[in-house]
Amino acid sequence: MTPDPKSKRAGPPPADPSLAEQVGARAARKLKARRSGTPGVWFGVGMMGLIGWSVAVPTLLGAALGLWLDQRYPGGRSWTLALLMAGLTLGCLNAWQWVSKEDRAMRDEQDDDDA
């Protein structure tokens, strides 16, 4: 019987790193942390502002376009409300994607440091 080429056989489990390797990895992490420093309060405030603006700008643009359409083409439906909700949805998706990308980058950096 031939082995299935799609199935991957795991090799032997990786050996535990030696004490010297563990100490070296921790020392490298500490040195990198000292060089980069810890983000301060203003960094957090800036991130909140960036995320807030990424939600607020599409929401306000949608509302403005909706107001313009309601004034230009009056009718039974409210373009303002519809485009306000569309802008809010777009802004939230944009912020969520950005935060996910930053989180992924931080996790990858931490995994690189651990390896």
Protein backbone atom coordinates (compact mmCIF):
# COMPACT_ATOMS: atom_id res chain seq x y z
CA MET A 1 0.00 0.00 0.00
CA THR A 2 1.45 3.38 -0.98
CA PRO A 3 1.28 6.28 1.43
CA ASP A 4 -1.13 9.09 0.61
CA PRO A 5 0.90 12.07 -0.70
CA LYS A 6 -1.58 14.50 0.89
CA SER A 7 -1.01 13.22 4.39
CA LYS A 8 1.99 14.72 6.07
CA ARG A 9 3.74 12.70 8.65
CA ALA A 10 5.06 14.65 11.53
CA GLY A 11 8.64 14.06 12.32
CA PRO A 12 9.92 13.57 15.80
CA PRO A 13 8.78 16.25 18.23
CA PRO A 14 11.23 19.12 18.55
CA ALA A 15 13.65 18.75 21.39
CA ASP A 16 13.34 21.10 24.32
CA PRO A 17 15.75 23.99 23.98
CA SER A 18 18.74 23.84 26.23
CA LEU A 19 19.14 26.17 29.18
CA ALA A 20 21.70 28.25 27.28
CA GLU A 21 19.27 28.70 24.35
CA GLN A 22 16.45 29.72 26.70
CA VAL A 23 18.66 32.25 28.48
CA GLY A 24 19.90 33.62 25.15
CA ALA A 25 16.34 34.04 23.84
CA ARG A 26 15.24 35.86 27.00
CA ALA A 27 18.27 38.14 26.90
CA ALA A 28 17.59 38.98 23.25
CA ARG A 29 13.95 39.81 24.08
CA LYS A 30 15.02 42.07 26.94
CA LEU A 31 17.53 43.90 24.75
CA LYS A 32 14.95 44.41 22.03
CA ALA A 33 12.41 45.69 24.58
CA ARG A 34 14.95 48.18 25.93
CA ARG A 35 15.75 49.46 22.44
CA SER A 36 12.15 49.85 21.35
CA GLY A 37 10.84 51.06 24.70
CA THR A 38 7.31 50.68 25.96
CA PRO A 39 4.57 52.68 24.31
CA GLY A 40 3.40 55.50 26.52
CA VAL A 41 0.04 57.03 27.25
CA TRP A 42 0.20 59.27 24.19
CA PHE A 43 0.70 56.24 21.98
CA GLY A 44 -2.57 54.77 23.30
CA VAL A 45 -4.38 58.08 22.88
CA GLY A 46 -3.09 58.31 19.32
CA MET A 47 -4.31 54.80 18.52
CA MET A 48 -7.77 55.58 19.90
CA GLY A 49 -7.85 58.75 17.82
CA LEU A 50 -6.78 56.91 14.69
CA ILE A 51 -9.46 54.26 15.13
CA GLY A 52 -12.06 56.92 15.95
CA TRP A 53 -11.29 58.91 12.83
CA SER A 54 -11.34 55.78 10.67
CA VAL A 55 -14.96 55.26 11.80
CA ALA A 56 -16.05 58.92 11.93
CA VAL A 57 -14.87 60.04 8.48
CA PRO A 58 -16.85 57.49 6.39
CA THR A 59 -19.89 58.02 8.64
CA LEU A 60 -19.82 61.80 8.17
CA LEU A 61 -19.17 61.48 4.43
CA GLY A 62 -22.14 59.13 4.10
CA ALA A 63 -24.38 61.52 6.05
CA ALA A 64 -23.25 64.52 3.97
CA LEU A 65 -23.84 62.67 0.70
CA GLY A 66 -27.24 61.54 1.98
CA LEU A 67 -28.22 65.11 2.91
CA TRP A 68 -27.18 66.31 -0.52
CA LEU A 69 -29.20 63.57 -2.21
CA ASP A 70 -32.26 64.27 -0.02
CA GLN A 71 -32.14 67.97 -0.91
CA ARG A 72 -31.48 67.34 -4.60
CA TYR A 73 -33.97 64.47 -5.08
CA PRO A 74 -36.73 64.60 -2.44
CA GLY A 75 -38.72 61.41 -2.17
CA GLY A 76 -40.18 58.85 0.15
CA ARG A 77 -36.87 57.36 1.29
CA SER A 78 -34.22 58.90 3.46
CA TRP A 79 -30.85 58.80 1.74
CA THR A 80 -29.30 60.44 4.79
CA LEU A 81 -30.18 57.56 7.10
CA ALA A 82 -29.24 54.88 4.56
CA LEU A 83 -25.86 56.39 3.71
CA LEU A 84 -25.15 57.23 7.35
CA MET A 85 -25.55 53.55 8.22
CA ALA A 86 -23.51 52.50 5.18
CA GLY A 87 -20.70 54.88 6.19
CA LEU A 88 -20.79 53.65 9.78
CA THR A 89 -20.61 50.03 8.61
CA LEU A 90 -17.76 50.78 6.24
CA GLY A 91 -15.87 52.68 8.97
CA CYS A 92 -16.29 49.87 11.50
CA LEU A 93 -15.10 47.28 9.00
CA ASN A 94 -12.11 49.47 8.16
CA ALA A 95 -11.21 49.89 11.85
CA TRP A 96 -11.66 46.15 12.51
CA GLN A 97 -9.41 45.24 9.59
CA TRP A 98 -6.74 47.69 10.72
CA VAL A 99 -6.80 46.44 14.34
CA SER A 100 -6.66 42.81 13.14
CA LYS A 101 -3.66 43.60 10.95
CA GLU A 102 -1.83 45.31 13.82
CA ASP A 103 -2.65 42.42 16.18
CA ARG A 104 -1.35 39.92 13.62
CA ALA A 105 1.87 41.92 13.21
CA MET A 106 2.43 42.03 16.98
CA ARG A 107 1.83 38.27 17.29
CA ASP A 108 4.19 37.53 14.41
CA GLU A 109 6.85 39.72 16.01
CA GLN A 110 6.39 37.95 19.33
CA ASP A 111 6.59 34.53 17.64
CA ASP A 112 9.80 35.62 15.88
CA ASP A 113 11.24 36.67 19.23
CA ASP A 114 10.30 33.34 20.83
CA ALA A 115 11.82 31.32 18.01
